[in-house]
Amino acid sequence: QVQLQESGGGSVQTGGSLRLSCAVSGLKPSRRFMAWFRQAPGKERDGVAAFYTGSGFTFYDDSVKGRFTIYRDYDKNTLYLEMTSMSPEDTAMYYCAAAAGEIPPSGALSPRNFEYWGQGTQVTVSS
């Protein structure tokens, strides 16, 4: 059974930083995209950053480029999202996700391409 468990959310002030973690279990070793998504109240779930396990390729939404970093610790089987220079616009529930198979890079930030999801962790940025 595939399980993704996020942690690390919390409350920070504008300009602050947080690191989210996603512990992965039950996922067979394979080249695939893993990603972080976020969803604010009343809004759609949007892709934030994606990581391809085969090559380490990363892809970011324009709204977080230069501020967020996605990376994976293979020994700990954990996916991370390092967030810096945060603003109130970053406030949302953040979700970790993994694709079941190969998807094109153009779809790496589309929620419909991901089959496995965590429960989410709340991030709140105050001004």
Protein backbone atom coordinates (compact mmCIF):
# COMPACT_ATOMS: atom_id res chain seq x y z
CA GLN A 1 0.00 0.00 0.00
CA VAL A 2 1.40 3.33 -1.03
CA GLN A 3 1.50 5.97 1.69
CA LEU A 4 2.61 9.56 1.52
CA GLN A 5 2.77 11.46 4.80
CA GLU A 6 3.43 15.19 4.87
CA SER A 7 4.80 17.11 7.83
CA GLY A 8 6.46 20.42 8.56
CA GLY A 9 3.60 22.82 8.00
CA GLY A 10 2.91 25.67 10.36
CA SER A 11 2.63 29.42 10.70
CA VAL A 12 5.30 31.89 9.70
CA GLN A 13 5.52 35.60 9.08
CA THR A 14 6.12 37.22 5.71
CA GLY A 15 9.69 36.63 4.63
CA GLY A 16 10.00 33.50 6.72
CA SER A 17 10.91 29.95 5.76
CA LEU A 18 9.56 26.44 6.20
CA ARG A 19 10.59 23.00 5.09
CA LEU A 20 7.94 20.45 4.27
CA SER A 21 8.65 16.72 4.32
CA CYS A 22 6.86 13.87 2.61
CA ALA A 23 7.69 10.40 3.90
CA VAL A 24 7.06 7.79 1.22
CA SER A 25 6.36 4.11 1.75
CA GLY A 26 5.08 1.26 -0.39
CA LEU A 27 6.11 2.89 -3.65
CA LYS A 28 8.08 0.59 -5.92
CA PRO A 29 11.42 1.98 -7.06
CA SER A 30 10.76 3.45 -10.45
CA ARG A 31 11.40 6.54 -12.45
CA ARG A 32 8.48 8.82 -11.86
CA PHE A 33 7.46 12.34 -11.09
CA MET A 34 6.79 13.37 -7.52
CA ALA A 35 5.43 16.77 -6.75
CA TRP A 36 4.08 19.26 -4.29
CA PHE A 37 0.70 20.87 -4.79
CA ARG A 38 -1.20 23.46 -2.80
CA GLN A 39 -4.78 24.44 -2.41
CA ALA A 40 -6.09 27.60 -0.81
CA PRO A 41 -9.71 27.83 0.41
CA GLY A 42 -12.10 28.24 -2.51
CA LYS A 43 -9.39 27.71 -5.10
CA GLU A 44 -8.23 24.85 -7.27
CA ARG A 45 -5.33 22.62 -6.39
CA ASP A 46 -2.23 23.96 -8.14
CA GLY A 47 1.15 22.42 -8.82
CA VAL A 48 4.06 24.07 -7.04
CA ALA A 49 7.13 21.96 -7.80
CA ALA A 50 7.92 18.61 -9.37
CA PHE A 51 10.87 16.23 -9.13
CA TYR A 52 11.72 13.40 -11.51
CA THR A 53 13.29 10.52 -9.63
CA GLY A 54 15.06 9.17 -12.70
CA SER A 55 17.26 12.18 -13.34
CA GLY A 56 16.67 14.65 -10.53
CA PHE A 57 15.03 17.03 -12.99
CA THR A 58 13.02 19.71 -11.22
CA PHE A 59 10.24 21.99 -12.42
CA TYR A 60 8.62 24.92 -10.67
CA ASP A 61 5.56 27.04 -11.04
CA ASP A 62 6.48 30.63 -11.87
CA SER A 63 5.00 31.83 -8.59
CA VAL A 64 7.65 30.01 -6.55
CA LYS A 65 10.73 30.05 -8.80
CA GLY A 66 13.77 31.23 -6.92
CA ARG A 67 12.03 30.85 -3.56
CA PHE A 68 11.12 27.17 -3.28
CA THR A 69 13.34 24.13 -3.75
CA ILE A 70 12.18 20.55 -4.20
CA TYR A 71 14.55 17.69 -3.52
CA ARG A 72 14.60 14.10 -2.40
CA ASP A 73 16.61 12.16 0.15
CA TYR A 74 16.84 8.67 -1.34
CA ASP A 75 18.22 7.10 1.82
CA LYS A 76 15.30 8.38 3.88
CA ASN A 77 12.82 7.94 1.02
CA THR A 78 11.56 11.43 1.72
CA LEU A 79 10.60 14.29 -0.57
CA TYR A 80 11.17 17.84 0.66
CA LEU A 81 9.98 21.31 -0.21
CA GLU A 82 12.16 24.09 1.10
CA MET A 83 10.23 27.37 1.11
CA THR A 84 11.86 30.75 1.62
CA SER A 85 10.85 34.42 1.27
CA MET A 86 7.30 33.40 1.95
CA SER A 87 4.33 35.69 1.50
CA PRO A 88 0.65 35.49 2.50
CA GLU A 89 -0.08 34.28 -1.05
CA ASP A 90 1.70 31.04 -0.12
CA THR A 91 -0.93 30.25 2.49
CA ALA A 92 -2.58 26.95 1.59
CA MET A 93 -2.85 23.27 2.33
CA TYR A 94 0.19 21.61 0.79
CA TYR A 95 0.02 18.10 -0.63
CA CYS A 96 2.66 15.63 -1.68
CA ALA A 97 1.87 13.43 -4.67
CA ALA A 98 3.42 10.69 -6.78
CA ALA A 99 2.60 9.57 -10.28
CA ALA A 100 1.89 5.89 -10.87
CA GLY A 101 3.73 5.86 -14.18
CA GLU A 102 5.53 8.00 -16.68
CA ILE A 103 4.04 11.38 -17.49
CA PRO A 104 5.39 14.08 -19.80
CA PRO A 105 7.23 16.97 -18.19
CA SER A 106 4.53 19.28 -19.50
CA GLY A 107 2.10 17.53 -17.17
CA ALA A 108 4.30 17.44 -14.09
CA LEU A 109 2.29 20.12 -12.31
CA SER A 110 -1.15 18.87 -13.26
CA PRO A 111 -3.01 17.18 -10.38
CA ARG A 112 -4.88 14.82 -12.71
CA ASN A 113 -1.61 13.07 -13.61
CA PHE A 114 -0.92 11.97 -10.04
CA GLU A 115 -2.49 8.92 -8.46
CA TYR A 116 -1.00 8.85 -4.99
CA TRP A 117 -1.63 11.65 -2.51
CA GLY A 118 -0.88 12.52 1.08
CA GLN A 119 -3.35 14.06 3.50
CA GLY A 120 -1.80 17.49 3.37
CA THR A 121 -0.15 19.89 5.78
CA GLN A 122 -1.33 23.44 6.42
CA VAL A 123 0.94 26.40 5.79
CA THR A 124 -0.09 29.87 6.94
CA VAL A 125 1.89 33.01 6.24
CA SER A 126 0.91 36.17 8.10
CA SER A 127 1.71 39.71 7.08
